[in-house]
Amino acid sequence: MLFMYLFGWIFDSDFLEWAGFQCPEASGGSTDCTGVSALIRMSFSLAIFHTLMFLSTLCRNKFSAALHEGFWTFKVLLIIGIWIGSLWIPNDPVMDGYLVMAKWVSVLFLIY
């Protein structure tokens, strides 16, 4: 109860719409899909992060080894920053395109 009292403004529909949580009009246009939207955007953020980490390890130098094995605070802040930044990316066409791409990449990964 105390949590909802102190942080109730976070769950306000005006704040959620301002923060980028957008639900399709087919679902009523309310903020009922905010959990799904947050998970999709976290998946998108982690995909970007792991792509950046993969590209950094291709250099095969001391910095890429140090980046891969350390800098945990930087990595966590980078993931959080990408996730917060992704809140303002529109669902249509970017996130819808990401969902289609993620579906096919996951199928290929499972077959591999």
C-alpha atoms as a PDB file:
ATOM      1  CA  MET A   1       0.000   0.000   0.000  1.00  0.00           C
ATOM      2  CA  LEU A   2       2.822   2.381   0.858  1.00  0.00           C
ATOM      3  CA  PHE A   3       4.464   1.633  -2.495  1.00  0.00           C
ATOM      4  CA  MET A   4       1.338   2.613  -4.432  1.00  0.00           C
ATOM      5  CA  TYR A   5       0.984   5.751  -2.325  1.00  0.00           C
ATOM      6  CA  LEU A   6       4.565   6.886  -2.887  1.00  0.00           C
ATOM      7  CA  PHE A   7       4.903   5.843  -6.514  1.00  0.00           C
ATOM      8  CA  GLY A   8       1.315   6.096  -7.721  1.00  0.00           C
ATOM      9  CA  TRP A   9       2.282   8.840 -10.169  1.00  0.00           C
ATOM     10  CA  ILE A  10       4.311   6.263 -12.122  1.00  0.00           C
ATOM     11  CA  PHE A  11       1.191   4.218 -12.810  1.00  0.00           C
ATOM     12  CA  ASP A  12      -0.852   7.244 -13.884  1.00  0.00           C
ATOM     13  CA  SER A  13      -1.962   6.881 -17.503  1.00  0.00           C
ATOM     14  CA  ASP A  14      -0.830  10.411 -18.440  1.00  0.00           C
ATOM     15  CA  PHE A  15       2.707   9.708 -17.213  1.00  0.00           C
ATOM     16  CA  LEU A  16       2.834   6.331 -18.976  1.00  0.00           C
ATOM     17  CA  GLU A  17       1.748   7.865 -22.272  1.00  0.00           C
ATOM     18  CA  TRP A  18       4.338  10.644 -21.870  1.00  0.00           C
ATOM     19  CA  ALA A  19       7.027   8.060 -21.063  1.00  0.00           C
ATOM     20  CA  GLY A  20       6.372   6.271 -24.344  1.00  0.00           C
ATOM     21  CA  PHE A  21       4.241   3.310 -23.349  1.00  0.00           C
ATOM     22  CA  GLN A  22       1.804   3.235 -26.229  1.00  0.00           C
ATOM     23  CA  CYS A  23      -0.913   0.676 -26.663  1.00  0.00           C
ATOM     24  CA  PRO A  24      -2.462   0.007 -30.061  1.00  0.00           C
ATOM     25  CA  GLU A  25      -5.944   1.343 -30.664  1.00  0.00           C
ATOM     26  CA  ALA A  26      -7.101  -2.253 -31.220  1.00  0.00           C
ATOM     27  CA  SER A  27      -6.483  -2.923 -27.528  1.00  0.00           C
ATOM     28  CA  GLY A  28      -8.521   0.080 -26.515  1.00  0.00           C
ATOM     29  CA  GLY A  29      -5.676   2.589 -26.540  1.00  0.00           C
ATOM     30  CA  SER A  30      -5.347   2.585 -22.752  1.00  0.00           C
ATOM     31  CA  THR A  31      -2.232   1.735 -20.766  1.00  0.00           C
ATOM     32  CA  ASP A  32      -3.166  -1.920 -20.223  1.00  0.00           C
ATOM     33  CA  CYS A  33      -0.307  -3.185 -22.386  1.00  0.00           C
ATOM     34  CA  THR A  34       2.493  -1.369 -20.566  1.00  0.00           C
ATOM     35  CA  GLY A  35       4.010  -4.600 -19.253  1.00  0.00           C
ATOM     36  CA  VAL A  36       4.217  -6.119 -22.724  1.00  0.00           C
ATOM     37  CA  SER A  37       5.652  -2.905 -24.135  1.00  0.00           C
ATOM     38  CA  ALA A  38       8.314  -2.793 -21.414  1.00  0.00           C
ATOM     39  CA  LEU A  39       9.343  -6.408 -22.099  1.00  0.00           C
ATOM     40  CA  ILE A  40       9.570  -5.865 -25.848  1.00  0.00           C
ATOM     41  CA  ARG A  41      11.699  -2.768 -25.321  1.00  0.00           C
ATOM     42  CA  MET A  42      13.967  -4.584 -22.851  1.00  0.00           C
ATOM     43  CA  SER A  43      14.446  -7.365 -25.401  1.00  0.00           C
ATOM     44  CA  PHE A  44      15.250  -4.715 -28.015  1.00  0.00           C
ATOM     45  CA  SER A  45      17.722  -3.056 -25.620  1.00  0.00           C
ATOM     46  CA  LEU A  46      19.462  -6.335 -24.842  1.00  0.00           C
ATOM     47  CA  ALA A  47      19.683  -7.184 -28.552  1.00  0.00           C
ATOM     48  CA  ILE A  48      21.385  -3.843 -29.228  1.00  0.00           C
ATOM     49  CA  PHE A  49      23.694  -4.293 -26.230  1.00  0.00           C
ATOM     50  CA  HIS A  50      24.764  -7.794 -27.237  1.00  0.00           C
ATOM     51  CA  THR A  51      25.314  -6.674 -30.834  1.00  0.00           C
ATOM     52  CA  LEU A  52      27.573  -3.869 -29.587  1.00  0.00           C
ATOM     53  CA  MET A  53      29.456  -6.291 -27.343  1.00  0.00           C
ATOM     54  CA  PHE A  54      29.880  -8.733 -30.234  1.00  0.00           C
ATOM     55  CA  LEU A  55      31.217  -5.993 -32.488  1.00  0.00           C
ATOM     56  CA  SER A  56      33.607  -4.800 -29.794  1.00  0.00           C
ATOM     57  CA  THR A  57      35.082  -8.287 -29.339  1.00  0.00           C
ATOM     58  CA  LEU A  58      35.827  -8.568 -33.050  1.00  0.00           C
ATOM     59  CA  CYS A  59      38.743  -6.154 -32.556  1.00  0.00           C
ATOM     60  CA  ARG A  60      40.574  -8.744 -30.413  1.00  0.00           C
ATOM     61  CA  ASN A  61      42.723  -6.212 -28.591  1.00  0.00           C
ATOM     62  CA  LYS A  62      43.309  -5.473 -24.901  1.00  0.00           C
ATOM     63  CA  PHE A  63      40.526  -2.896 -24.721  1.00  0.00           C
ATOM     64  CA  SER A  64      37.925  -5.276 -26.154  1.00  0.00           C
ATOM     65  CA  ALA A  65      39.042  -7.973 -23.696  1.00  0.00           C
ATOM     66  CA  ALA A  66      38.793  -5.522 -20.794  1.00  0.00           C
ATOM     67  CA  LEU A  67      35.386  -4.333 -22.003  1.00  0.00           C
ATOM     68  CA  HIS A  68      34.138  -7.886 -22.343  1.00  0.00           C
ATOM     69  CA  GLU A  69      35.364  -9.024 -18.932  1.00  0.00           C
ATOM     70  CA  GLY A  70      34.843  -5.853 -16.900  1.00  0.00           C
ATOM     71  CA  PHE A  71      33.192  -2.425 -16.865  1.00  0.00           C
ATOM     72  CA  TRP A  72      30.052  -3.885 -15.279  1.00  0.00           C
ATOM     73  CA  THR A  73      28.738  -0.546 -14.043  1.00  0.00           C
ATOM     74  CA  PHE A  74      29.099   0.918 -17.525  1.00  0.00           C
ATOM     75  CA  LYS A  75      27.351  -2.079 -19.062  1.00  0.00           C
ATOM     76  CA  VAL A  76      24.404  -1.931 -16.676  1.00  0.00           C
ATOM     77  CA  LEU A  77      24.034   1.824 -17.171  1.00  0.00           C
ATOM     78  CA  LEU A  78      24.247   1.344 -20.944  1.00  0.00           C
ATOM     79  CA  ILE A  79      21.433  -1.235 -20.897  1.00  0.00           C
ATOM     80  CA  ILE A  80      19.278   0.998 -18.689  1.00  0.00           C
ATOM     81  CA  GLY A  81      20.016   3.987 -20.929  1.00  0.00           C
ATOM     82  CA  ILE A  82      19.107   2.094 -24.097  1.00  0.00           C
ATOM     83  CA  TRP A  83      15.893   0.868 -22.462  1.00  0.00           C
ATOM     84  CA  ILE A  84      14.868   4.347 -21.313  1.00  0.00           C
ATOM     85  CA  GLY A  85      15.731   5.750 -24.728  1.00  0.00           C
ATOM     86  CA  SER A  86      13.649   3.062 -26.420  1.00  0.00           C
ATOM     87  CA  LEU A  87      10.540   4.225 -24.582  1.00  0.00           C
ATOM     88  CA  TRP A  88      10.202   7.064 -27.095  1.00  0.00           C
ATOM     89  CA  ILE A  89      10.569   4.833 -30.161  1.00  0.00           C
ATOM     90  CA  PRO A  90       7.161   4.424 -31.820  1.00  0.00           C
ATOM     91  CA  ASN A  91       5.588   0.982 -31.876  1.00  0.00           C
ATOM     92  CA  ASP A  92       4.783   1.196 -35.541  1.00  0.00           C
ATOM     93  CA  PRO A  93       7.026   0.504 -37.651  1.00  0.00           C
ATOM     94  CA  VAL A  94      10.185   0.108 -35.517  1.00  0.00           C
ATOM     95  CA  MET A  95       9.034  -2.197 -32.727  1.00  0.00           C
ATOM     96  CA  ASP A  96       6.717  -4.149 -35.013  1.00  0.00           C
ATOM     97  CA  GLY A  97       9.659  -4.700 -37.380  1.00  0.00           C
ATOM     98  CA  TYR A  98      11.846  -5.741 -34.468  1.00  0.00           C
ATOM     99  CA  LEU A  99       9.254  -8.325 -33.379  1.00  0.00           C
ATOM    100  CA  VAL A 100       9.176  -9.893 -36.852  1.00  0.00           C
ATOM    101  CA  MET A 101      12.984  -9.916 -37.038  1.00  0.00           C
ATOM    102  CA  ALA A 102      13.291 -11.395 -33.532  1.00  0.00           C
ATOM    103  CA  LYS A 103      10.818 -14.150 -34.410  1.00  0.00           C
ATOM    104  CA  TRP A 104      12.826 -15.285 -37.437  1.00  0.00           C
ATOM    105  CA  VAL A 105      16.203 -14.952 -35.739  1.00  0.00           C
ATOM    106  CA  SER A 106      14.943 -17.045 -32.813  1.00  0.00           C
ATOM    107  CA  VAL A 107      13.671 -19.739 -35.201  1.00  0.00           C
ATOM    108  CA  LEU A 108      17.059 -19.865 -36.947  1.00  0.00           C
ATOM    109  CA  PHE A 109      18.824 -19.972 -33.581  1.00  0.00           C
ATOM    110  CA  LEU A 110      16.683 -22.891 -32.397  1.00  0.00           C
ATOM    111  CA  ILE A 111      17.290 -24.786 -35.640  1.00  0.00           C
ATOM    112  CA  TYR A 112      21.030 -24.159 -35.322  1.00  0.00           C
END
